[in-house]
Structure formats: structure tokens, C-alpha cells
Amino acid sequence: MVSVLENSNNKLRPDISFYGFRGGPGGISLTLISLMNEMACLGYRIHLLLHNTRVPEKKYVHPSIRTVKLPDGGLIKRARHLSYYIKESQPKAMISVREPGNRAITLAKTFYKARSKVVFRVGMPLTTALKRRALVKRMLRAASIRYCYTRADMIIANHVNVAEDIAHNTGIPIENIPVIPNGTVSAFLYEQAKANPEHPWLNRKEAPVVLGIGRLARQKDFTTLIRAFCELKKKINARLLILGEGKERISLAALIDQLGLTASVDLYGHTDNPYAFLARADLFVLSSVWEGLPNALIEAMALGISCVATDCRSGPREILENGKYGHLVPVGDHRTMADAMYRALLQPLDPDFIRSGASRYEAGLCARRYLEALDLV
């Protein structure tokens, strides 16, 4: 029924099993791994459950974490095998980290009578996902969300705005939704930041480098960032480096060409180590239309990098403490963004001061808050 892939020989009942993990590029995967690693460092028995997801590289995962492979298939098949696992391993708590996993774990609990504390970890406003669907699909998904969320034993949100959105969409009292931020700042981040990014703009600094990170998708709104950079170039010589891949690559490349920026803007693509780039940038810009709690912004602060961010829902205003640790600008306003970028480069904040603002997001602190919420301390 289940297959142990690697790591610990510990056969004792797990304290916490994580489900719904999505591997591959993206900060959220590393954030969840950091959370599990911190719990493992504190002596808790952790299982990582996977279906068809690529197993994280061993270098990322604490050696005591047990990786368990479950058979893949449709929702019912996944729920059935998940219930087998729960009955066999009896974890004290099951943490589902993504929406598809929420449905499978609810089915396992409701119809297959699997007994474990079920916890949903929610990192994005539900309304954002619902708005992108046609009316009928939106109504069906909203009903599914209400059904699943009201049957979980606990919902944990990574931001107060996310908690408010959950309460609005499900009817769960907001006081019953703990808010625990992403444990983004970890020893792994600092270690990776020491590496050489192997990019000539960063290794041979001839001009300030502005960095953007994320999927080349509408949510990240790199169109506004590129237009803002075009305005910035009228004042100072600078370069823009964007890390990430996505379906908007062609349209963004066309915009760069149209604005005459091909020599000073690089759509670099995906990298396994964005932290090495981030540590050597002069300015990080978050241009998103919406977020949950943007990890890249926290990571930039942890590395002492000056920041400009859109005042989108949700996260940037809280992270930057109303502009204390960086510049906040309206969503989609490239001229105001360009002005903030210019001021941030001209008069950067002290790096140690910026770093101090990221201490709230240390992985160890957030892991302990999870354990307290789960009554496992």
C-alpha cells in the first residue's frame, strides 16, 4: 500500500505527516521543506507523503524525515490509499499543504474513517483562485471548499488577510483560524546565498542590478516592472534581471524589444539557486498583482537587499511594516514604481536594518508556533 523511499529507519508513529507537496521550482516547496526540517531538528518524527511528485534531493531534507510513496490516481484512489496510510501509520497530525490534497484528505477522513488530526495549511486567498473560474465551476469549487474546510480539525493561514478570506468563504469564525507566517528565513537560505551566481552583471558590476523573481505569469505582473525599469533607465544606467519561467515569456520578450531594452534586461529563466542572485543584487522588486505571503520579498530582506513592492493583497504591507523596511507602491503603476526604484538605489537603507525586519519569519520560530497550535509541544 505504501512504499518507503528513503531516510529514517524509525518505525515509530509519526508526529506529523505532510501531504499535498508539490516539488519542482518555486519558493513554496523550499519553505515547506524548511518547516519540516526545523520540526525534525527539534526531535519530532516527520513523514513526507508523495504520489507522483519528484522526491526532493537529499541535500534539502533532514536525514530523519521519512519519505513515503503513495499510489497515484484519481481523487478516490488517492483518498483510499491515503486512508490506508493513516490507519497503518497513525500520525498524530496530517498537514495538507495544497487544495487537491485537501479534497483527498477530507474524503479519506469522511468516508474511509481515517483517524488523525487533519490540518489545512493555506497560503493564498481562496477568492483569488475562485475568481479565475467560470461561474458554474466557481460555484462548484466554492461548495467543495466549504465542505472540506468545515470538516478539517484546524485551518492555519500564513497571513491575516488569508485568514479573513477563509472566514468569508467558509463561515469558519476567524478566531478559530491561527495565523502563522511562512518560515522562510533558514540556514539553508544563507548557505545557498554564498554560491557564485555565474552571471556577468553580478560578477562584474558595471551598473546597479534590479532583480525580479517569479513565474512569468499575470500574477507577477512583470510587464509593469519592465515598464518601470524603462522609466528608471532615463535617470540612471541600470540592469534588470528576471528569474523564472512561464507562459508570458514571449510577450515579455516582445515588450523588452519594443522598449529598446534588450541590452539591459535579461529574462534569465529558472535557476535552482535564486538566493545567490538575490544576495548580489542592488534592489529587489516585487511587482505582483496579488500574493499570499511573498517568500521572495522576505528572502531579500533576510539578505539585507533594498526592496520595492506593490501594495497588493496580501503580504507586502505587513512584511515591509507599512514602508518601514522598503518602498510600497500601487499595483500596476509603473511610474510610481520607477520613482521608488530610483530612490531605493540612490538612498538604500542600512542592510542590517533591513535584515532585522525579516527575523519574524525565521523557520525555527514558525515551526515552534505550528507545534504549539497542534498541541505537540
Protein backbone atom coordinates (compact mmCIF):
# COMPACT_ATOMS: atom_id res chain seq x y z
CA MET A 1 0.00 0.00 0.00
CA VAL A 2 2.81 2.41 0.82
CA SER A 3 6.44 2.46 -0.14
CA VAL A 4 9.17 3.99 2.00
CA LEU A 5 11.61 5.64 -0.38
CA GLU A 6 14.41 6.92 1.79
CA ASN A 7 15.75 8.33 5.02
CA SER A 8 14.98 7.25 8.57
CA ASN A 9 14.63 3.65 9.79
CA ASN A 10 12.40 4.96 12.58
CA LYS A 11 9.17 2.91 12.53
CA LEU A 12 7.51 4.72 15.41
CA ARG A 13 4.23 6.53 14.96
CA PRO A 14 4.93 9.83 13.16
CA ASP A 15 4.14 13.05 14.95
CA ILE A 16 3.25 14.92 11.74
CA SER A 17 2.74 13.80 8.14
CA PHE A 18 2.82 16.41 5.35
CA TYR A 19 0.61 15.79 2.32
CA GLY A 20 0.00 17.54 -1.00
CA PHE A 21 3.61 18.56 -1.52
CA ARG A 22 4.48 19.85 -4.99
CA GLY A 23 8.13 19.55 -5.93
CA GLY A 24 9.98 21.38 -8.64
CA PRO A 25 10.89 25.06 -8.85
CA GLY A 26 9.31 27.60 -6.59
CA GLY A 27 9.96 29.05 -3.17
CA ILE A 28 6.96 27.41 -1.55
CA SER A 29 8.47 23.93 -1.83
CA LEU A 30 11.64 25.03 -0.04
CA THR A 31 9.58 26.88 2.57
CA LEU A 32 7.68 23.70 3.42
CA ILE A 33 10.88 21.67 3.49
CA SER A 34 12.38 24.22 5.90
CA LEU A 35 9.33 23.85 8.15
CA MET A 36 9.66 20.05 8.17
CA ASN A 37 13.42 20.24 8.72
CA GLU A 38 13.04 22.53 11.73
CA MET A 39 10.48 20.17 13.27
CA ALA A 40 12.82 17.23 12.66
CA CYS A 41 15.70 19.14 14.28
CA LEU A 42 13.52 19.55 17.37
CA GLY A 43 13.19 15.75 17.57
CA TYR A 44 9.74 15.29 16.01
CA ARG A 45 9.07 12.33 13.72
CA ILE A 46 8.09 13.68 10.30
CA HIS A 47 6.72 11.87 7.24
CA LEU A 48 6.57 13.40 3.76
CA LEU A 49 3.84 11.80 1.63
CA LEU A 50 4.14 11.84 -2.16
CA HIS A 51 2.13 10.49 -5.09
CA ASN A 52 3.75 11.19 -8.44
CA THR A 53 5.82 14.13 -7.23
CA ARG A 54 9.58 14.08 -7.72
CA VAL A 55 11.32 13.29 -4.44
CA PRO A 56 13.24 16.32 -3.09
CA GLU A 57 17.00 15.98 -3.27
CA LYS A 58 18.53 14.50 -0.12
CA LYS A 59 20.65 17.61 0.43
CA TYR A 60 17.47 19.60 1.09
CA VAL A 61 15.82 17.18 3.54
CA HIS A 62 16.74 16.39 7.16
CA PRO A 63 18.01 12.77 7.33
CA SER A 64 15.39 11.72 9.90
CA ILE A 65 12.44 12.68 7.67
CA ARG A 66 10.80 9.58 6.22
CA THR A 67 9.60 9.89 2.61
CA VAL A 68 6.60 7.72 1.78
CA LYS A 69 5.36 6.99 -1.74
CA LEU A 70 1.60 6.51 -2.16
CA PRO A 71 -0.01 5.06 -5.32
CA ASP A 72 -1.18 7.72 -7.75
CA GLY A 73 -4.56 8.01 -9.44
CA GLY A 74 -7.79 9.97 -9.31
CA LEU A 75 -9.27 11.57 -6.23
CA ILE A 76 -11.00 8.43 -4.93
CA LYS A 77 -7.93 6.23 -5.42
CA ARG A 78 -5.69 8.78 -3.73
CA ALA A 79 -8.11 9.11 -0.81
CA ARG A 80 -8.34 5.34 -0.39
CA HIS A 81 -4.57 4.84 -0.25
CA LEU A 82 -4.21 7.86 1.98
CA SER A 83 -6.68 6.28 4.41
CA TYR A 84 -4.63 3.04 4.33
CA TYR A 85 -1.54 5.04 5.23
CA ILE A 86 -3.27 6.89 8.08
CA LYS A 87 -4.68 3.68 9.57
CA GLU A 88 -1.31 1.95 9.31
CA SER A 89 0.97 4.79 10.49
CA GLN A 90 -1.45 6.71 12.75
CA PRO A 91 0.19 10.14 12.55
CA LYS A 92 -0.81 12.49 15.33
CA ALA A 93 -1.48 15.21 12.75
CA MET A 94 -1.86 15.35 8.97
CA ILE A 95 -0.97 18.70 7.36
CA SER A 96 -2.32 19.20 3.86
CA VAL A 97 -0.48 21.97 2.04
CA ARG A 98 -2.43 22.31 -1.23
CA GLU A 99 -6.05 22.39 -2.40
CA PRO A 100 -6.09 19.00 -4.23
CA GLY A 101 -4.66 17.39 -1.11
CA ASN A 102 -7.41 18.96 0.99
CA ARG A 103 -10.06 17.15 -1.04
CA ALA A 104 -8.31 13.79 -0.84
CA ILE A 105 -7.69 14.01 2.88
CA THR A 106 -11.30 15.11 3.55
CA LEU A 107 -12.56 12.11 1.59
CA ALA A 108 -10.21 9.80 3.49
CA LYS A 109 -11.45 11.16 6.80
CA THR A 110 -15.18 11.30 5.96
CA PHE A 111 -15.78 8.09 4.02
CA TYR A 112 -12.84 5.86 4.93
CA LYS A 113 -12.89 6.86 8.61
CA ALA A 114 -9.19 7.66 8.78
CA ARG A 115 -8.34 8.93 12.28
CA SER A 116 -5.77 11.70 12.61
CA LYS A 117 -5.98 15.40 13.32
CA VAL A 118 -6.47 16.99 9.88
CA VAL A 119 -4.92 20.41 9.32
CA PHE A 120 -5.05 22.55 6.17
CA ARG A 121 -2.19 24.98 5.64
CA VAL A 122 -3.44 27.81 3.39
CA GLY A 123 -1.06 30.23 1.70
CA MET A 124 -3.26 32.08 -0.81
CA PRO A 125 -6.64 33.84 -0.61
CA LEU A 126 -9.36 31.42 -1.75
CA THR A 127 -11.20 34.23 -3.52
CA THR A 128 -8.25 34.73 -5.87
CA ALA A 129 -8.44 31.14 -7.10
CA LEU A 130 -12.23 31.22 -7.38
CA LYS A 131 -12.30 34.42 -9.45
CA ARG A 132 -10.28 32.80 -12.23
CA ARG A 133 -13.00 30.20 -12.90
CA ALA A 134 -16.19 30.33 -14.95
CA LEU A 135 -19.40 30.83 -12.94
CA VAL A 136 -20.53 27.19 -12.72
CA LYS A 137 -17.03 25.90 -11.92
CA ARG A 138 -16.63 28.70 -9.40
CA MET A 139 -19.84 27.69 -7.60
CA LEU A 140 -18.83 24.01 -7.55
CA ARG A 141 -15.35 24.79 -6.28
CA ALA A 142 -16.73 27.15 -3.61
CA ALA A 143 -19.07 24.40 -2.40
CA SER A 144 -16.18 21.92 -2.36
CA ILE A 145 -14.02 24.34 -0.36
CA ARG A 146 -16.76 24.93 2.23
CA TYR A 147 -17.35 21.17 2.56
CA CYS A 148 -13.67 20.35 3.05
CA TYR A 149 -12.68 23.26 5.25
CA THR A 150 -15.55 22.83 7.69
CA ARG A 151 -14.56 19.18 8.19
CA ALA A 152 -10.90 19.85 8.93
CA ASP A 153 -9.83 19.90 12.57
CA MET A 154 -7.80 23.07 12.06
CA ILE A 155 -7.05 25.65 9.37
CA ILE A 156 -3.75 27.54 9.55
CA ALA A 157 -3.31 30.65 7.38
CA ASN A 158 0.01 32.30 6.59
CA HIS A 159 -1.39 35.85 6.75
CA VAL A 160 -4.27 37.62 8.45
CA ASN A 161 -5.76 38.61 5.06
CA VAL A 162 -5.75 34.94 4.05
CA ALA A 163 -7.48 34.06 7.33
CA GLU A 164 -10.13 36.73 6.72
CA ASP A 165 -10.70 35.38 3.23
CA ILE A 166 -11.09 31.82 4.55
CA ALA A 167 -13.63 33.01 7.11
CA HIS A 168 -15.55 34.88 4.40
CA ASN A 169 -15.69 31.88 2.05
CA THR A 170 -16.34 29.11 4.58
CA GLY A 171 -18.16 30.65 7.53
CA ILE A 172 -15.45 29.46 9.93
CA PRO A 173 -15.03 32.06 12.72
CA ILE A 174 -11.79 33.96 12.14
CA GLU A 175 -10.79 33.49 15.78
CA ASN A 176 -10.62 29.74 15.02
CA ILE A 177 -8.04 30.24 12.25
CA PRO A 178 -4.48 30.57 13.63
CA VAL A 179 -2.16 32.79 11.58
CA ILE A 180 1.42 31.52 11.30
CA PRO A 181 3.69 33.07 8.65
CA ASN A 182 5.91 31.14 6.28
CA GLY A 183 9.16 30.08 7.94
CA THR A 184 11.16 31.49 5.05
CA VAL A 185 14.41 32.50 6.75
CA SER A 186 16.60 29.45 7.30
CA ALA A 187 20.23 28.35 7.46
CA PHE A 188 19.71 26.83 4.00
CA LEU A 189 18.93 30.26 2.54
CA TYR A 190 22.13 31.78 3.92
CA GLU A 191 24.23 28.82 2.79
CA GLN A 192 22.85 28.93 -0.76
CA ALA A 193 23.38 32.70 -0.89
CA LYS A 194 27.16 32.16 -0.63
CA ALA A 195 27.31 30.49 -4.06
CA ASN A 196 28.53 32.24 -7.21
CA PRO A 197 25.53 33.12 -9.43
CA GLU A 198 27.71 32.97 -12.58
CA HIS A 199 26.11 35.95 -14.25
CA PRO A 200 28.37 38.68 -15.69
CA TRP A 201 26.12 41.51 -14.50
CA LEU A 202 26.54 40.34 -10.91
CA ASN A 203 30.15 39.20 -11.02
CA ARG A 204 31.47 42.28 -12.82
CA LYS A 205 29.32 45.10 -11.50
CA GLU A 206 29.28 47.88 -14.09
CA ALA A 207 25.81 49.14 -13.15
CA PRO A 208 23.22 48.56 -10.40
CA VAL A 209 21.24 45.35 -10.89
CA VAL A 210 17.49 45.24 -10.21
CA LEU A 211 16.12 41.73 -9.61
CA GLY A 212 12.65 40.24 -10.07
CA ILE A 213 11.79 36.64 -9.18
CA GLY A 214 8.75 34.52 -10.03
CA ARG A 215 6.71 32.77 -12.68
CA LEU A 216 6.32 34.71 -15.89
CA ALA A 217 2.58 34.94 -15.34
CA ARG A 218 -0.11 37.58 -14.92
CA GLN A 219 0.02 37.38 -11.12
CA LYS A 220 3.64 38.59 -11.02
CA ASP A 221 2.97 41.47 -13.46
CA PHE A 222 6.48 41.73 -14.86
CA THR A 223 5.01 43.96 -17.57
CA THR A 224 4.74 46.77 -15.02
CA LEU A 225 8.25 46.07 -13.73
CA ILE A 226 9.73 46.25 -17.24
CA ARG A 227 7.89 49.50 -17.98
CA ALA A 228 9.07 50.91 -14.65
CA PHE A 229 12.62 49.90 -15.45
CA CYS A 230 12.34 51.70 -18.79
CA GLU A 231 11.48 54.88 -16.86
CA LEU A 232 14.35 54.25 -14.42
CA LYS A 233 16.83 53.97 -17.30
CA LYS A 234 16.06 57.57 -18.23
CA LYS A 235 17.64 58.63 -14.91
CA ILE A 236 20.44 56.13 -14.26
CA ASN A 237 22.28 53.32 -16.00
CA ALA A 238 20.98 50.05 -14.54
CA ARG A 239 20.16 46.47 -15.48
CA LEU A 240 17.13 44.30 -14.84
CA LEU A 241 17.41 40.56 -14.25
CA ILE A 242 14.25 38.42 -14.00
CA LEU A 243 14.46 34.85 -12.69
CA GLY A 244 11.65 32.46 -13.60
CA GLU A 245 9.80 30.79 -16.46
CA GLY A 246 6.22 30.90 -17.66
CA LYS A 247 3.74 31.38 -20.44
CA GLU A 248 4.33 35.15 -20.68
CA ARG A 249 7.97 34.81 -21.79
CA ILE A 250 7.20 35.58 -25.45
CA SER A 251 5.07 38.65 -24.71
CA LEU A 252 7.58 39.98 -22.17
CA ALA A 253 10.46 39.49 -24.60
CA ALA A 254 8.47 41.39 -27.24
CA LEU A 255 7.88 44.26 -24.78
CA ILE A 256 11.57 44.40 -23.92
CA ASP A 257 12.42 44.61 -27.62
CA GLN A 258 9.73 47.23 -28.24
CA LEU A 259 11.11 49.44 -25.45
CA GLY A 260 14.69 49.06 -26.70
CA LEU A 261 15.85 47.29 -23.54
CA THR A 262 17.35 44.09 -24.96
CA ALA A 263 20.86 45.04 -23.83
CA SER A 264 19.83 45.82 -20.26
CA VAL A 265 17.04 43.33 -19.42
CA ASP A 266 17.66 39.59 -19.11
CA LEU A 267 14.81 37.06 -18.82
CA TYR A 268 17.24 34.60 -17.28
CA GLY A 269 14.80 31.73 -16.74
CA HIS A 270 14.75 29.18 -13.93
CA THR A 271 17.61 28.67 -11.52
CA ASP A 272 17.89 26.16 -8.68
CA ASN A 273 19.56 28.81 -6.54
CA PRO A 274 17.91 32.24 -6.75
CA TYR A 275 19.48 33.19 -3.41
CA ALA A 276 22.94 33.55 -4.96
CA PHE A 277 21.50 36.09 -7.41
CA LEU A 278 19.47 37.83 -4.72
CA ALA A 279 22.45 38.27 -2.40
CA ARG A 280 24.34 40.19 -5.09
CA ALA A 281 21.51 42.35 -6.44
CA ASP A 282 21.28 46.04 -5.61
CA LEU A 283 17.48 46.11 -5.50
CA PHE A 284 14.67 43.56 -5.37
CA VAL A 285 11.28 44.48 -6.83
CA LEU A 286 8.03 42.60 -6.21
CA SER A 287 5.55 43.72 -8.88
CA SER A 288 2.72 41.26 -8.12
CA VAL A 289 -1.00 41.89 -8.55
CA TRP A 290 -1.75 39.53 -5.67
CA GLU A 291 0.15 37.27 -3.27
CA GLY A 292 -0.38 35.11 -0.22
CA LEU A 293 2.79 35.90 1.71
CA PRO A 294 5.60 36.53 -0.82
CA ASN A 295 8.64 34.49 0.15
CA ALA A 296 10.99 36.28 -2.23
CA LEU A 297 10.36 39.61 -0.51
CA ILE A 298 11.16 38.10 2.89
CA GLU A 299 14.27 36.41 1.47
CA ALA A 300 15.50 39.70 0.01
CA MET A 301 15.11 41.36 3.41
CA ALA A 302 16.89 38.48 5.14
CA LEU A 303 19.86 39.09 2.83
CA GLY A 304 19.82 42.85 3.50
CA ILE A 305 18.72 43.85 -0.01
CA SER A 306 16.78 47.08 -0.64
CA CYS A 307 13.19 46.37 -1.68
CA VAL A 308 10.31 47.89 -3.61
CA ALA A 309 6.96 46.07 -3.56
CA THR A 310 3.42 46.60 -4.76
CA ASP A 311 0.88 47.15 -2.01
CA CYS A 312 -1.07 44.12 -3.19
CA ARG A 313 -3.25 41.76 -1.19
CA SER A 314 -1.72 40.20 0.73
CA GLY A 315 1.64 40.33 2.49
CA PRO A 316 3.88 43.18 1.30
CA ARG A 317 2.45 45.88 3.60
CA GLU A 318 2.84 43.63 6.63
CA ILE A 319 6.31 42.38 5.62
CA LEU A 320 7.64 45.89 4.98
CA GLU A 321 5.74 47.23 8.02
CA ASN A 322 3.93 49.98 6.13
CA GLY A 323 7.08 51.02 4.28
CA LYS A 324 9.49 50.92 7.22
CA TYR A 325 11.75 48.31 5.60
CA GLY A 326 11.17 49.19 1.94
CA HIS A 327 9.05 51.11 -0.54
CA LEU A 328 5.38 50.30 -1.16
CA VAL A 329 3.78 51.34 -4.47
CA PRO A 330 0.31 50.94 -6.01
CA VAL A 331 -0.36 47.83 -8.10
CA GLY A 332 0.16 48.38 -11.83
CA ASP A 333 1.58 51.92 -11.50
CA HIS A 334 4.88 51.77 -13.38
CA ARG A 335 5.74 55.47 -12.96
CA THR A 336 5.40 55.40 -9.17
CA MET A 337 7.33 52.13 -9.14
CA ALA A 338 10.13 53.69 -11.20
CA ASP A 339 10.35 56.62 -8.80
CA ALA A 340 10.54 54.27 -5.80
CA MET A 341 13.23 52.19 -7.53
CA TYR A 342 15.27 55.33 -8.18
CA ARG A 343 15.01 56.47 -4.55
CA ALA A 344 15.86 52.97 -3.25
CA LEU A 345 19.01 52.84 -5.38
CA LEU A 346 20.00 56.43 -4.60
CA GLN A 347 19.47 56.17 -0.83
CA PRO A 348 19.44 52.49 0.20
CA LEU A 349 18.50 51.53 3.74
CA ASP A 350 21.13 50.02 6.01
CA PRO A 351 21.40 46.26 5.23
CA ASP A 352 21.44 45.27 8.92
CA PHE A 353 18.28 47.30 9.49
CA ILE A 354 16.58 45.52 6.57
CA ARG A 355 17.69 42.12 7.91
CA SER A 356 16.19 42.88 11.30
CA GLY A 357 12.75 43.13 9.69
CA ALA A 358 12.94 39.53 8.48
CA SER A 359 13.57 37.98 11.91
CA ARG A 360 9.80 37.38 12.38
CA TYR A 361 9.95 34.84 9.56
CA GLU A 362 12.70 32.57 10.89
CA ALA A 363 11.90 28.93 10.14
CA GLY A 364 12.62 27.72 13.67
CA LEU A 365 10.27 30.26 15.24
CA CYS A 366 7.46 29.41 12.81
CA ALA A 367 7.95 25.66 13.32
CA ARG A 368 7.54 26.07 17.08
CA ARG A 369 4.34 28.05 16.54
CA TYR A 370 2.96 25.20 14.42
CA LEU A 371 3.82 22.68 17.12
CA GLU A 372 2.11 24.83 19.76
CA ALA A 373 -1.02 25.17 17.59
CA LEU A 374 -1.10 21.38 17.17
CA ASP A 375 -0.65 20.78 20.93
CA LEU A 376 2.53 18.83 20.27
CA VAL A 377 4.87 20.85 22.50
